[in-house]
Amino acid sequence: MATTHQPVHPTQERNHELPHQLNWKGWWHVVRLTQQNMGKDFLALAASGVAFYLLLSLFPAIAASVSLYGLVANPQQVQQQLASVQGMMPDQVYSIIQGQVEAITSQPHVAGWSAIVSILLALWGSSRATKGMMQALNLIYHEEETRGFIKTNLIGFGLMVGIILAGLLAIAGVVALPAVLQAFHFPGWTGELIAVARWAVLFVMVMAVLALLYSVGPDRKPPHWQWITWGAAMATILWIIGSWLFSWYVAHFASYNKTYGSLGAVVVLMMWLYLSAFVALLGGEVNDALEKETGRRSDMQ
């Protein structure tokens, strides 16, 4: 079938360069290549599948986290600490999570069984989402999965554990830094500095998770760091800006509650998860476009 636009080809004079050596013309070709490959690699469809499994794993993960937290501390404190991460998500998403936390903490006598069941469900949903990302990255990098069932699942499980740990560390940083500031009675100006620093922690952790995903997710030799940090940094910036813009849009213009009724908040949550998955895969597209533009695989020095 004939196309209405000319495909973008990498500039031959840019071959054998590293990403940071590209000039503005090379970067423009990277943007064009990324745009073209988004449709060829069915990026929107892949992100939808990942978002679906993220949704399935979210609520069991919340229940498991609250139940496990109740083993070492008062679970009622979770509601207070949850307010510290409200700015990371749309208000409707926060309301859903807050409602789940309140429901769980109001029934502490079922925390033990709730933790076991929720952990199993969270692991299943998270592993499906992780393997969905791995399959999508194979499509983006034009690789065929040859690692076998056991190895693929082990890598997926390791990625899932790494993502969960990084997420917990990021949330801990956002929540803990203000508490440390208050405990040690730092001067007032230090509070503003730490308020900025905690979001820097979030940025670094999200970027680290994406870099890990791009490194071991696709079935190929792990790339060198200079090839994956560009896509990871871009995806992290887009995720933060996109989450803020989406929250602002939902708060001021969207009327999901009028359209979907009581399911409005769930629709907003699904859209936010889809946005997150799409941006993560988009970072992989950028890395692949950089390889094409420079004429080199990312596992080369």
C-alpha atoms as a PDB file:
ATOM      1  CA  MET A   1       0.000   0.000   0.000  1.00  0.00           C
ATOM      2  CA  ALA A   2       1.391   3.400  -0.944  1.00  0.00           C
ATOM      3  CA  THR A   3       2.147   5.836   1.841  1.00  0.00           C
ATOM      4  CA  THR A   4       1.550   9.572   1.783  1.00  0.00           C
ATOM      5  CA  HIS A   5       4.896  10.513   3.304  1.00  0.00           C
ATOM      6  CA  GLN A   6       8.502   9.752   2.582  1.00  0.00           C
ATOM      7  CA  PRO A   7      10.250   7.596   5.189  1.00  0.00           C
ATOM      8  CA  VAL A   8      13.045   9.203   7.108  1.00  0.00           C
ATOM      9  CA  HIS A   9      16.448   7.615   6.557  1.00  0.00           C
ATOM     10  CA  PRO A  10      19.409   8.142   8.890  1.00  0.00           C
ATOM     11  CA  THR A  11      21.938  10.660   7.634  1.00  0.00           C
ATOM     12  CA  GLN A  12      24.942   8.723   6.394  1.00  0.00           C
ATOM     13  CA  GLU A  13      27.399  11.415   7.410  1.00  0.00           C
ATOM     14  CA  ARG A  14      26.321  10.944  11.061  1.00  0.00           C
ATOM     15  CA  ASN A  15      27.297   7.266  11.204  1.00  0.00           C
ATOM     16  CA  HIS A  16      29.605   5.973  13.940  1.00  0.00           C
ATOM     17  CA  GLU A  17      28.894   8.835  16.325  1.00  0.00           C
ATOM     18  CA  LEU A  18      27.699   8.635  19.891  1.00  0.00           C
ATOM     19  CA  PRO A  19      24.343  10.220  20.767  1.00  0.00           C
ATOM     20  CA  HIS A  20      25.871  13.273  22.453  1.00  0.00           C
ATOM     21  CA  GLN A  21      27.868  13.999  19.285  1.00  0.00           C
ATOM     22  CA  LEU A  22      24.807  14.452  17.080  1.00  0.00           C
ATOM     23  CA  ASN A  23      24.096  17.941  15.769  1.00  0.00           C
ATOM     24  CA  TRP A  24      20.660  19.516  15.474  1.00  0.00           C
ATOM     25  CA  LYS A  25      20.080  17.870  12.086  1.00  0.00           C
ATOM     26  CA  GLY A  26      20.805  14.451  13.521  1.00  0.00           C
ATOM     27  CA  TRP A  27      18.456  15.019  16.449  1.00  0.00           C
ATOM     28  CA  TRP A  28      15.732  16.172  14.063  1.00  0.00           C
ATOM     29  CA  HIS A  29      16.079  12.868  12.222  1.00  0.00           C
ATOM     30  CA  VAL A  30      15.821  11.059  15.568  1.00  0.00           C
ATOM     31  CA  VAL A  31      12.529  12.854  16.248  1.00  0.00           C
ATOM     32  CA  ARG A  32      11.202  11.966  12.792  1.00  0.00           C
ATOM     33  CA  LEU A  33      12.294   8.333  13.082  1.00  0.00           C
ATOM     34  CA  THR A  34      10.669   8.061  16.498  1.00  0.00           C
ATOM     35  CA  GLN A  35       7.429   9.476  15.146  1.00  0.00           C
ATOM     36  CA  GLN A  36       7.351   7.032  12.237  1.00  0.00           C
ATOM     37  CA  ASN A  37       8.224   3.993  14.336  1.00  0.00           C
ATOM     38  CA  MET A  38       5.511   4.713  16.905  1.00  0.00           C
ATOM     39  CA  GLY A  39       2.897   3.590  14.398  1.00  0.00           C
ATOM     40  CA  LYS A  40       4.913   0.741  12.920  1.00  0.00           C
ATOM     41  CA  ASP A  41       5.567  -0.754  16.358  1.00  0.00           C
ATOM     42  CA  PHE A  42       1.941  -0.364  17.541  1.00  0.00           C
ATOM     43  CA  LEU A  43       3.104   1.651  20.535  1.00  0.00           C
ATOM     44  CA  ALA A  44      -0.384   2.755  21.592  1.00  0.00           C
ATOM     45  CA  LEU A  45      -1.705  -0.818  21.498  1.00  0.00           C
ATOM     46  CA  ALA A  46       1.239  -2.154  23.510  1.00  0.00           C
ATOM     47  CA  ALA A  47       0.839   0.604  26.112  1.00  0.00           C
ATOM     48  CA  SER A  48      -2.854  -0.271  26.461  1.00  0.00           C
ATOM     49  CA  GLY A  49      -2.025  -3.879  27.321  1.00  0.00           C
ATOM     50  CA  VAL A  50       0.605  -2.868  29.852  1.00  0.00           C
ATOM     51  CA  ALA A  51      -1.793  -0.364  31.451  1.00  0.00           C
ATOM     52  CA  PHE A  52      -4.446  -3.075  31.800  1.00  0.00           C
ATOM     53  CA  TYR A  53      -2.157  -5.356  33.800  1.00  0.00           C
ATOM     54  CA  LEU A  54      -0.884  -2.406  35.826  1.00  0.00           C
ATOM     55  CA  LEU A  55      -4.484  -1.705  36.796  1.00  0.00           C
ATOM     56  CA  LEU A  56      -5.018  -5.326  37.823  1.00  0.00           C
ATOM     57  CA  SER A  57      -1.915  -5.275  40.022  1.00  0.00           C
ATOM     58  CA  LEU A  58      -2.406  -1.819  41.555  1.00  0.00           C
ATOM     59  CA  PHE A  59      -5.081  -2.562  44.149  1.00  0.00           C
ATOM     60  CA  PRO A  60      -3.552  -5.849  45.374  1.00  0.00           C
ATOM     61  CA  ALA A  61      -0.227  -4.018  45.610  1.00  0.00           C
ATOM     62  CA  ILE A  62      -1.827  -1.319  47.765  1.00  0.00           C
ATOM     63  CA  ALA A  63      -3.433  -3.936  50.014  1.00  0.00           C
ATOM     64  CA  ALA A  64      -0.176  -5.866  50.338  1.00  0.00           C
ATOM     65  CA  SER A  65       1.843  -2.735  51.112  1.00  0.00           C
ATOM     66  CA  VAL A  66      -0.568  -1.538  53.791  1.00  0.00           C
ATOM     67  CA  SER A  67      -0.857  -5.007  55.330  1.00  0.00           C
ATOM     68  CA  LEU A  68       2.917  -5.476  55.456  1.00  0.00           C
ATOM     69  CA  TYR A  69       3.372  -1.974  56.841  1.00  0.00           C
ATOM     70  CA  GLY A  70       0.951  -2.882  59.618  1.00  0.00           C
ATOM     71  CA  LEU A  71       3.332  -5.620  60.773  1.00  0.00           C
ATOM     72  CA  VAL A  72       5.966  -3.065  61.810  1.00  0.00           C
ATOM     73  CA  ALA A  73       3.990   0.124  62.442  1.00  0.00           C
ATOM     74  CA  ASN A  74       0.527   1.554  62.916  1.00  0.00           C
ATOM     75  CA  PRO A  75      -1.282   1.168  59.589  1.00  0.00           C
ATOM     76  CA  GLN A  76      -3.305   4.310  60.337  1.00  0.00           C
ATOM     77  CA  GLN A  77      -0.127   6.311  59.707  1.00  0.00           C
ATOM     78  CA  VAL A  78      -0.246   5.244  56.071  1.00  0.00           C
ATOM     79  CA  GLN A  79      -3.069   7.688  55.422  1.00  0.00           C
ATOM     80  CA  GLN A  80      -0.977  10.556  56.773  1.00  0.00           C
ATOM     81  CA  GLN A  81       2.077   9.595  54.722  1.00  0.00           C
ATOM     82  CA  LEU A  82      -0.010   9.025  51.607  1.00  0.00           C
ATOM     83  CA  ALA A  83      -0.765  12.748  51.457  1.00  0.00           C
ATOM     84  CA  SER A  84       2.930  13.401  50.796  1.00  0.00           C
ATOM     85  CA  VAL A  85       2.735  11.751  47.366  1.00  0.00           C
ATOM     86  CA  GLN A  86      -0.550  13.322  46.275  1.00  0.00           C
ATOM     87  CA  GLY A  87       1.233  15.634  43.859  1.00  0.00           C
ATOM     88  CA  MET A  88       2.540  12.660  41.858  1.00  0.00           C
ATOM     89  CA  MET A  89      -0.879  11.773  40.412  1.00  0.00           C
ATOM     90  CA  PRO A  90      -4.262  13.237  39.402  1.00  0.00           C
ATOM     91  CA  ASP A  91      -6.710  13.946  42.223  1.00  0.00           C
ATOM     92  CA  GLN A  92      -9.104  11.232  41.038  1.00  0.00           C
ATOM     93  CA  VAL A  93      -6.314   8.656  41.110  1.00  0.00           C
ATOM     94  CA  TYR A  94      -5.305   9.776  44.589  1.00  0.00           C
ATOM     95  CA  SER A  95      -8.921   9.508  45.760  1.00  0.00           C
ATOM     96  CA  ILE A  96      -9.148   5.895  44.576  1.00  0.00           C
ATOM     97  CA  ILE A  97      -5.900   4.930  46.288  1.00  0.00           C
ATOM     98  CA  GLN A  98      -6.860   6.807  49.452  1.00  0.00           C
ATOM     99  CA  GLY A  99     -10.218   5.021  49.542  1.00  0.00           C
ATOM    100  CA  GLN A 100      -8.533   1.634  49.232  1.00  0.00           C
ATOM    101  CA  VAL A 101      -6.075   2.483  52.006  1.00  0.00           C
ATOM    102  CA  GLU A 102      -8.885   3.614  54.316  1.00  0.00           C
ATOM    103  CA  ALA A 103     -10.861   0.433  53.636  1.00  0.00           C
ATOM    104  CA  ILE A 104      -7.862  -1.774  54.417  1.00  0.00           C
ATOM    105  CA  THR A 105      -6.731   0.069  57.537  1.00  0.00           C
ATOM    106  CA  SER A 106     -10.264  -0.054  58.953  1.00  0.00           C
ATOM    107  CA  GLN A 107     -10.070  -3.881  59.037  1.00  0.00           C
ATOM    108  CA  PRO A 108      -6.706  -4.712  60.633  1.00  0.00           C
ATOM    109  CA  HIS A 109      -7.836  -8.159  61.747  1.00  0.00           C
ATOM    110  CA  VAL A 110      -7.646  -9.474  58.180  1.00  0.00           C
ATOM    111  CA  ALA A 111      -4.238  -7.996  57.493  1.00  0.00           C
ATOM    112  CA  GLY A 112      -2.418 -11.333  57.551  1.00  0.00           C
ATOM    113  CA  TRP A 113      -4.558 -13.147  54.984  1.00  0.00           C
ATOM    114  CA  SER A 114      -5.035  -9.938  53.032  1.00  0.00           C
ATOM    115  CA  ALA A 115      -1.276  -9.555  52.708  1.00  0.00           C
ATOM    116  CA  ILE A 116      -0.810 -13.116  51.410  1.00  0.00           C
ATOM    117  CA  VAL A 117      -3.605 -12.966  48.834  1.00  0.00           C
ATOM    118  CA  SER A 118      -2.760  -9.421  47.794  1.00  0.00           C
ATOM    119  CA  ILE A 119       0.931 -10.191  47.346  1.00  0.00           C
ATOM    120  CA  LEU A 120       0.104 -13.137  45.070  1.00  0.00           C
ATOM    121  CA  LEU A 121      -2.306 -11.075  42.988  1.00  0.00           C
ATOM    122  CA  ALA A 122       0.090  -8.138  42.841  1.00  0.00           C
ATOM    123  CA  LEU A 123       2.950 -10.380  41.729  1.00  0.00           C
ATOM    124  CA  TRP A 124       0.824 -11.928  38.997  1.00  0.00           C
ATOM    125  CA  GLY A 125      -0.433  -8.607  37.632  1.00  0.00           C
ATOM    126  CA  SER A 126       2.967  -6.949  37.890  1.00  0.00           C
ATOM    127  CA  SER A 127       4.714  -9.851  36.172  1.00  0.00           C
ATOM    128  CA  ARG A 128       2.231  -9.704  33.296  1.00  0.00           C
ATOM    129  CA  ALA A 129       2.787  -5.955  32.949  1.00  0.00           C
ATOM    130  CA  THR A 130       6.570  -6.422  33.047  1.00  0.00           C
ATOM    131  CA  LYS A 131       6.527  -9.163  30.407  1.00  0.00           C
ATOM    132  CA  GLY A 132       4.254  -6.985  28.303  1.00  0.00           C
ATOM    133  CA  MET A 133       6.890  -4.253  28.433  1.00  0.00           C
ATOM    134  CA  MET A 134       9.583  -6.777  27.488  1.00  0.00           C
ATOM    135  CA  GLN A 135       7.592  -7.955  24.476  1.00  0.00           C
ATOM    136  CA  ALA A 136       6.925  -4.374  23.394  1.00  0.00           C
ATOM    137  CA  LEU A 137      10.626  -3.507  23.673  1.00  0.00           C
ATOM    138  CA  ASN A 138      11.503  -6.535  21.533  1.00  0.00           C
ATOM    139  CA  LEU A 139       9.130  -5.162  18.913  1.00  0.00           C
ATOM    140  CA  ILE A 140      10.644  -1.682  19.197  1.00  0.00           C
ATOM    141  CA  TYR A 141      14.211  -2.962  18.835  1.00  0.00           C
ATOM    142  CA  HIS A 142      13.180  -5.518  16.167  1.00  0.00           C
ATOM    143  CA  GLU A 143      14.408  -8.447  18.240  1.00  0.00           C
ATOM    144  CA  GLU A 144      12.964 -11.963  18.467  1.00  0.00           C
ATOM    145  CA  GLU A 145      12.481 -13.505  21.901  1.00  0.00           C
ATOM    146  CA  THR A 146      14.850 -16.487  22.155  1.00  0.00           C
ATOM    147  CA  ARG A 147      15.547 -16.640  25.895  1.00  0.00           C
ATOM    148  CA  GLY A 148      13.142 -19.449  26.713  1.00  0.00           C
ATOM    149  CA  PHE A 149      10.234 -19.641  29.143  1.00  0.00           C
ATOM    150  CA  ILE A 150      12.231 -19.983  32.373  1.00  0.00           C
ATOM    151  CA  LYS A 151      14.829 -17.319  31.573  1.00  0.00           C
ATOM    152  CA  THR A 152      12.204 -14.869  30.333  1.00  0.00           C
ATOM    153  CA  ASN A 153      10.144 -15.270  33.494  1.00  0.00           C
ATOM    154  CA  LEU A 154      13.210 -14.966  35.723  1.00  0.00           C
ATOM    155  CA  ILE A 155      14.232 -11.741  33.985  1.00  0.00           C
ATOM    156  CA  GLY A 156      10.665 -10.473  34.214  1.00  0.00           C
ATOM    157  CA  PHE A 157      10.520 -11.303  37.916  1.00  0.00           C
ATOM    158  CA  GLY A 158      13.855  -9.592  38.530  1.00  0.00           C
ATOM    159  CA  LEU A 159      12.680  -6.500  36.669  1.00  0.00           C
ATOM    160  CA  MET A 160       9.468  -6.482  38.651  1.00  0.00           C
ATOM    161  CA  VAL A 161      11.328  -6.693  41.967  1.00  0.00           C
ATOM    162  CA  GLY A 162      13.696  -3.927  40.887  1.00  0.00           C
ATOM    163  CA  ILE A 163      10.817  -1.686  39.844  1.00  0.00           C
ATOM    164  CA  ILE A 164       8.958  -2.301  43.105  1.00  0.00           C
ATOM    165  CA  LEU A 165      12.058  -1.589  45.213  1.00  0.00           C
ATOM    166  CA  ALA A 166      12.811   1.568  43.243  1.00  0.00           C
ATOM    167  CA  GLY A 167       9.214   2.693  43.649  1.00  0.00           C
ATOM    168  CA  LEU A 168       9.335   2.110  47.392  1.00  0.00           C
ATOM    169  CA  LEU A 169      12.625   4.009  47.635  1.00  0.00           C
ATOM    170  CA  ALA A 170      11.205   6.897  45.622  1.00  0.00           C
ATOM    171  CA  ILE A 171       8.100   7.107  47.787  1.00  0.00           C
ATOM    172  CA  ALA A 172      10.213   6.750  50.923  1.00  0.00           C
ATOM    173  CA  GLY A 173      12.377   9.642  49.762  1.00  0.00           C
ATOM    174  CA  VAL A 174       9.375  11.844  49.072  1.00  0.00           C
ATOM    175  CA  VAL A 175       7.809  10.962  52.422  1.00  0.00           C
ATOM    176  CA  ALA A 176      10.907  10.686  54.634  1.00  0.00           C
ATOM    177  CA  LEU A 177      12.801  13.865  53.744  1.00  0.00           C
ATOM    178  CA  PRO A 178      10.229  16.245  55.280  1.00  0.00           C
ATOM    179  CA  ALA A 179      10.110  14.059  58.405  1.00  0.00           C
ATOM    180  CA  VAL A 180      13.908  14.177  58.711  1.00  0.00           C
ATOM    181  CA  LEU A 181      13.814  17.938  58.307  1.00  0.00           C
ATOM    182  CA  GLN A 182      11.271  18.280  61.085  1.00  0.00           C
ATOM    183  CA  ALA A 183      13.104  15.885  63.415  1.00  0.00           C
ATOM    184  CA  PHE A 184      16.471  17.669  63.187  1.00  0.00           C
ATOM    185  CA  HIS A 185      15.031  21.214  63.239  1.00  0.00           C
ATOM    186  CA  PHE A 186      16.865  22.504  60.191  1.00  0.00           C
ATOM    187  CA  PRO A 187      16.549  26.202  59.284  1.00  0.00           C
ATOM    188  CA  GLY A 188      13.549  27.280  57.256  1.00  0.00           C
ATOM    189  CA  TRP A 189      15.443  27.761  53.995  1.00  0.00           C
ATOM    190  CA  THR A 190      16.656  24.166  54.228  1.00  0.00           C
ATOM    191  CA  GLY A 191      13.054  23.037  54.020  1.00  0.00           C
ATOM    192  CA  GLU A 192      12.679  24.562  50.571  1.00  0.00           C
ATOM    193  CA  LEU A 193      15.918  22.911  49.474  1.00  0.00           C
ATOM    194  CA  ILE A 194      14.834  19.486  50.699  1.00  0.00           C
ATOM    195  CA  ALA A 195      11.395  19.963  49.152  1.00  0.00           C
ATOM    196  CA  VAL A 196      13.142  20.286  45.797  1.00  0.00           C
ATOM    197  CA  ALA A 197      15.576  17.470  46.599  1.00  0.00           C
ATOM    198  CA  ARG A 198      12.833  14.929  47.261  1.00  0.00           C
ATOM    199  CA  TRP A 199      11.452  15.433  43.775  1.00  0.00           C
ATOM    200  CA  ALA A 200      14.966  15.090  42.428  1.00  0.00           C
ATOM    201  CA  VAL A 201      15.070  11.705  44.187  1.00  0.00           C
ATOM    202  CA  LEU A 202      11.849  10.765  42.413  1.00  0.00           C
ATOM    203  CA  PHE A 203      13.320  11.825  39.058  1.00  0.00           C
ATOM    204  CA  VAL A 204      16.482   9.781  39.568  1.00  0.00           C
ATOM    205  CA  MET A 205      14.599   6.665  40.678  1.00  0.00           C
ATOM    206  CA  VAL A 206      12.152   6.776  37.763  1.00  0.00           C
ATOM    207  CA  MET A 207      15.030   7.274  35.332  1.00  0.00           C
ATOM    208  CA  ALA A 208      16.927   4.371  36.924  1.00  0.00           C
ATOM    209  CA  VAL A 209      13.897   2.082  36.558  1.00  0.00           C
ATOM    210  CA  LEU A 210      13.520   2.982  32.892  1.00  0.00           C
ATOM    211  CA  ALA A 211      17.234   2.519  32.232  1.00  0.00           C
ATOM    212  CA  LEU A 212      17.039  -0.937  33.841  1.00  0.00           C
ATOM    213  CA  LEU A 213      14.017  -1.777  31.703  1.00  0.00           C
ATOM    214  CA  TYR A 214      15.736  -0.693  28.480  1.00  0.00           C
ATOM    215  CA  SER A 215      18.900  -2.549  29.461  1.00  0.00           C
ATOM    216  CA  VAL A 216      17.598  -6.054  30.208  1.00  0.00           C
ATOM    217  CA  GLY A 217      14.028  -5.974  28.883  1.00  0.00           C
ATOM    218  CA  PRO A 218      14.622  -6.686  25.182  1.00  0.00           C
ATOM    219  CA  ASP A 219      16.319  -9.890  24.021  1.00  0.00           C
ATOM    220  CA  ARG A 220      19.692  -8.407  23.107  1.00  0.00           C
ATOM    221  CA  LYS A 221      23.101  -7.786  24.606  1.00  0.00           C
ATOM    222  CA  PRO A 222      22.799  -5.138  27.373  1.00  0.00           C
ATOM    223  CA  PRO A 223      23.653  -1.716  25.930  1.00  0.00           C
ATOM    224  CA  HIS A 224      26.184   0.735  27.285  1.00  0.00           C
ATOM    225  CA  TRP A 225      24.811   3.426  29.561  1.00  0.00           C
ATOM    226  CA  GLN A 226      25.297   6.305  27.107  1.00  0.00           C
ATOM    227  CA  TRP A 227      22.742   4.699  24.787  1.00  0.00           C
ATOM    228  CA  ILE A 228      19.891   4.234  27.241  1.00  0.00           C
ATOM    229  CA  THR A 229      20.134   7.353  29.399  1.00  0.00           C
ATOM    230  CA  TRP A 230      18.811   9.579  26.612  1.00  0.00           C
ATOM    231  CA  GLY A 231      15.555   7.707  26.257  1.00  0.00           C
ATOM    232  CA  ALA A 232      15.265   7.190  30.014  1.00  0.00           C
ATOM    233  CA  ALA A 233      15.807  10.888  30.776  1.00  0.00           C
ATOM    234  CA  MET A 234      13.381  11.998  28.075  1.00  0.00           C
ATOM    235  CA  ALA A 235      10.714   9.526  29.218  1.00  0.00           C
ATOM    236  CA  THR A 236      11.109  10.614  32.851  1.00  0.00           C
ATOM    237  CA  ILE A 237      10.745  14.289  31.973  1.00  0.00           C
ATOM    238  CA  LEU A 238       7.729  13.585  29.765  1.00  0.00           C
ATOM    239  CA  TRP A 239       6.145  11.449  32.490  1.00  0.00           C
ATOM    240  CA  ILE A 240       6.466  14.183  35.111  1.00  0.00           C
ATOM    241  CA  ILE A 241       5.257  16.930  32.775  1.00  0.00           C
ATOM    242  CA  GLY A 242       2.571  14.709  31.270  1.00  0.00           C
ATOM    243  CA  SER A 243       1.238  13.688  34.694  1.00  0.00           C
ATOM    244  CA  TRP A 244       1.053  17.327  35.761  1.00  0.00           C
ATOM    245  CA  LEU A 245      -0.673  18.425  32.534  1.00  0.00           C
ATOM    246  CA  PHE A 246      -3.087  15.494  32.695  1.00  0.00           C
ATOM    247  CA  SER A 247      -3.944  16.338  36.307  1.00  0.00           C
ATOM    248  CA  TRP A 248      -4.500  19.968  35.352  1.00  0.00           C
ATOM    249  CA  TYR A 249      -6.674  19.004  32.378  1.00  0.00           C
ATOM    250  CA  VAL A 250      -8.808  16.621  34.415  1.00  0.00           C
ATOM    251  CA  ALA A 251      -9.245  19.207  37.174  1.00  0.00           C
ATOM    252  CA  HIS A 252     -10.223  22.110  34.880  1.00  0.00           C
ATOM    253  CA  PHE A 253     -11.747  20.763  31.669  1.00  0.00           C
ATOM    254  CA  ALA A 254     -12.559  17.069  31.670  1.00  0.00           C
ATOM    255  CA  SER A 255     -15.950  15.825  32.856  1.00  0.00           C
ATOM    256  CA  TYR A 256     -15.339  12.106  33.249  1.00  0.00           C
ATOM    257  CA  ASN A 257     -17.823  11.864  36.114  1.00  0.00           C
ATOM    258  CA  LYS A 258     -20.621  13.239  33.919  1.00  0.00           C
ATOM    259  CA  THR A 259     -19.759  10.887  31.079  1.00  0.00           C
ATOM    260  CA  TYR A 260     -18.901   7.713  33.002  1.00  0.00           C
ATOM    261  CA  GLY A 261     -20.716   8.322  36.277  1.00  0.00           C
ATOM    262  CA  SER A 262     -19.216   6.441  39.223  1.00  0.00           C
ATOM    263  CA  LEU A 263     -16.585   4.935  36.905  1.00  0.00           C
ATOM    264  CA  GLY A 264     -15.128   8.356  36.124  1.00  0.00           C
ATOM    265  CA  ALA A 265     -12.298   8.065  38.636  1.00  0.00           C
ATOM    266  CA  VAL A 266     -11.417   4.576  37.364  1.00  0.00           C
ATOM    267  CA  VAL A 267     -11.268   5.908  33.800  1.00  0.00           C
ATOM    268  CA  VAL A 268      -8.909   8.677  34.925  1.00  0.00           C
ATOM    269  CA  LEU A 269      -6.730   6.079  36.674  1.00  0.00           C
ATOM    270  CA  MET A 270      -6.653   3.917  33.538  1.00  0.00           C
ATOM    271  CA  MET A 271      -5.740   6.913  31.380  1.00  0.00           C
ATOM    272  CA  TRP A 272      -2.911   7.852  33.749  1.00  0.00           C
ATOM    273  CA  LEU A 273      -1.534   4.305  33.713  1.00  0.00           C
ATOM    274  CA  TYR A 274      -1.786   4.292  29.920  1.00  0.00           C
ATOM    275  CA  LEU A 275       0.082   7.602  29.767  1.00  0.00           C
ATOM    276  CA  SER A 276       2.816   6.191  32.008  1.00  0.00           C
ATOM    277  CA  ALA A 277       3.202   3.007  29.935  1.00  0.00           C
ATOM    278  CA  PHE A 278       3.168   4.920  26.647  1.00  0.00           C
ATOM    279  CA  VAL A 279       5.875   7.335  27.771  1.00  0.00           C
ATOM    280  CA  ALA A 280       8.048   4.459  29.036  1.00  0.00           C
ATOM    281  CA  LEU A 281       7.831   2.702  25.658  1.00  0.00           C
ATOM    282  CA  LEU A 282       8.413   5.995  23.854  1.00  0.00           C
ATOM    283  CA  GLY A 283      11.789   6.235  25.575  1.00  0.00           C
ATOM    284  CA  GLY A 284      12.682   2.886  24.019  1.00  0.00           C
ATOM    285  CA  GLU A 285      11.684   4.230  20.605  1.00  0.00           C
ATOM    286  CA  VAL A 286      14.031   7.185  21.107  1.00  0.00           C
ATOM    287  CA  ASN A 287      16.911   4.864  21.970  1.00  0.00           C
ATOM    288  CA  ASP A 288      16.217   2.737  18.896  1.00  0.00           C
ATOM    289  CA  ALA A 289      16.069   5.842  16.683  1.00  0.00           C
ATOM    290  CA  LEU A 290      19.434   6.943  18.081  1.00  0.00           C
ATOM    291  CA  GLU A 291      20.938   3.616  17.027  1.00  0.00           C
ATOM    292  CA  LYS A 292      19.561   3.997  13.517  1.00  0.00           C
ATOM    293  CA  GLU A 293      20.722   7.599  13.210  1.00  0.00           C
ATOM    294  CA  THR A 294      24.264   6.870  14.368  1.00  0.00           C
ATOM    295  CA  GLY A 295      24.451   3.613  12.414  1.00  0.00           C
ATOM    296  CA  ARG A 296      25.512   1.626  15.476  1.00  0.00           C
ATOM    297  CA  ARG A 297      24.039  -0.905  17.877  1.00  0.00           C
ATOM    298  CA  SER A 298      23.960   0.212  21.477  1.00  0.00           C
ATOM    299  CA  ASP A 299      26.110  -2.727  22.607  1.00  0.00           C
ATOM    300  CA  MET A 300      29.083  -1.234  20.727  1.00  0.00           C
ATOM    301  CA  GLN A 301      31.577   1.055  22.396  1.00  0.00           C
END
